[in-house]
Amino acid sequence: MEYERRERRGGYGRREGRGFGRFPPKPVEMGKEYDVEIQETSRRGEGIARIKGLVCFVPNTKPGDKVKIRITRISRRFCEAEVVGKGEAKAEETAAAEEEAEETETGTETEAETE
């Protein structure tokens, strides 16, 4: 019994070219600086930040840190960065902190007047 040899077409919806379409373009660029907040810690003890969904490993940081980072390596699924300096607070956070400061100032003045 003879079988016809089929041409290889890639199958399973794969497109031509290795890895095409699996990993979208990265939202970061090598050497650029970004202000991020560290969200969690990796197994290796590095801080993890996300930049538009891309995981970024930052050594010597802990959750809650707001830092300015520089991208040192970009891989398919993640990037690595180094701390450049302290991150800047967002406008919303700054406004909220100023409002709290004003409330506490006015609260202390009314207490002093009542005594």
Protein backbone atom coordinates (compact mmCIF):
# COMPACT_ATOMS: atom_id res chain seq x y z
CA MET A 1 0.00 0.00 0.00
CA GLU A 2 1.40 3.34 -1.03
CA TYR A 3 0.92 6.57 0.84
CA GLU A 4 1.17 10.03 -0.63
CA ARG A 5 3.71 12.23 0.98
CA ARG A 6 2.10 15.45 2.23
CA GLU A 7 3.86 18.75 2.16
CA ARG A 8 4.69 20.21 5.50
CA ARG A 9 2.51 23.27 6.07
CA GLY A 10 3.39 24.18 9.63
CA GLY A 11 0.15 22.92 11.18
CA TYR A 12 -1.75 24.08 14.22
CA GLY A 13 -2.05 27.62 12.94
CA ARG A 14 1.65 28.37 13.19
CA ARG A 15 2.90 31.18 11.02
CA GLU A 16 6.08 31.26 9.05
CA GLY A 17 9.13 32.28 11.02
CA ARG A 18 10.23 31.19 14.44
CA GLY A 19 8.30 32.69 17.34
CA PHE A 20 6.36 35.16 15.22
CA GLY A 21 3.38 36.50 17.14
CA ARG A 22 4.12 34.77 20.44
CA PHE A 23 5.70 37.69 22.22
CA PRO A 24 4.43 41.19 21.45
CA PRO A 25 6.81 44.14 21.05
CA LYS A 26 8.33 45.29 24.32
CA PRO A 27 7.06 48.50 25.97
CA VAL A 28 10.59 49.34 27.16
CA GLU A 29 13.85 50.27 25.50
CA MET A 30 17.41 49.41 26.46
CA GLY A 31 19.07 52.15 28.54
CA LYS A 32 15.89 54.19 29.10
CA GLU A 33 14.83 55.26 32.60
CA TYR A 34 11.39 54.65 34.12
CA ASP A 35 9.70 55.53 37.43
CA VAL A 36 8.18 52.36 38.89
CA GLU A 37 6.77 50.96 42.11
CA ILE A 38 8.03 47.57 43.27
CA GLN A 39 5.01 45.30 43.71
CA GLU A 40 6.42 41.98 44.91
CA THR A 41 9.59 39.94 45.45
CA SER A 42 10.94 37.22 43.17
CA ARG A 43 12.26 33.83 44.26
CA ARG A 44 15.80 35.19 43.97
CA GLY A 45 14.96 38.12 46.26
CA GLU A 46 14.79 40.79 43.57
CA GLY A 47 11.96 43.31 43.44
CA ILE A 48 9.38 42.91 40.68
CA ALA A 49 7.84 45.89 38.89
CA ARG A 50 5.57 45.85 35.87
CA ILE A 51 5.85 48.29 32.99
CA LYS A 52 2.72 48.05 30.82
CA GLY A 53 2.42 44.37 31.77
CA LEU A 54 6.08 43.45 31.18
CA VAL A 55 7.74 41.98 34.29
CA CYS A 56 10.87 43.84 35.30
CA PHE A 57 13.35 42.46 37.87
CA VAL A 58 15.11 45.07 40.00
CA PRO A 59 17.77 43.90 42.49
CA ASN A 60 18.17 45.48 45.96
CA THR A 61 14.54 46.61 46.24
CA LYS A 62 11.52 45.55 48.26
CA PRO A 63 7.74 45.83 47.80
CA GLY A 64 6.44 49.38 48.18
CA ASP A 65 9.67 51.07 47.02
CA LYS A 66 9.21 53.79 44.41
CA VAL A 67 12.39 53.98 42.39
CA LYS A 68 13.79 55.25 39.12
CA ILE A 69 15.29 52.39 37.10
CA ARG A 70 17.41 51.98 33.96
CA ILE A 71 16.79 48.94 31.72
CA THR A 72 19.93 46.79 31.45
CA ARG A 73 18.64 43.66 29.71
CA ILE A 74 15.55 42.78 27.69
CA SER A 75 14.47 39.15 27.28
CA ARG A 76 11.44 37.62 25.57
CA ARG A 77 9.21 37.57 28.65
CA PHE A 78 10.88 39.97 31.08
CA CYS A 79 13.49 42.66 31.50
CA GLU A 80 16.15 43.45 34.10
CA ALA A 81 17.00 46.88 35.44
CA GLU A 82 19.20 48.70 37.94
CA VAL A 83 18.19 51.38 40.42
CA VAL A 84 19.25 54.86 39.32
CA GLY A 85 17.59 56.93 42.04
CA LYS A 86 14.53 57.58 44.10
CA GLY A 87 11.28 57.68 42.12
CA GLU A 88 9.11 60.77 41.85
CA ALA A 89 5.68 60.78 43.48
CA LYS A 90 2.71 60.95 41.13
CA ALA A 91 0.64 64.14 40.98
CA GLU A 92 -2.35 62.41 42.64
CA GLU A 93 -0.24 61.20 45.56
CA THR A 94 1.35 64.62 46.00
CA ALA A 95 -2.05 66.34 46.04
CA ALA A 96 -3.40 63.83 48.58
CA ALA A 97 -0.37 64.34 50.85
CA GLU A 98 -0.80 68.14 50.69
CA GLU A 99 -4.50 67.87 51.58
CA GLU A 100 -3.68 65.68 54.59
CA ALA A 101 -1.05 68.17 55.74
CA GLU A 102 -3.55 71.05 55.48
CA GLU A 103 -6.16 69.10 57.45
CA THR A 104 -3.73 68.34 60.26
CA GLU A 105 -2.59 71.99 60.40
CA THR A 106 -6.15 73.32 60.68
CA GLY A 107 -6.98 70.63 63.25
CA THR A 108 -4.10 71.68 65.52
CA GLU A 109 -5.04 75.36 65.30
CA THR A 110 -8.62 74.72 66.47
CA GLU A 111 -7.33 72.60 69.36
CA ALA A 112 -4.97 75.39 70.45
CA GLU A 113 -7.76 77.98 70.30
CA THR A 114 -10.08 75.87 72.50
CA GLU A 115 -7.51 75.48 75.27
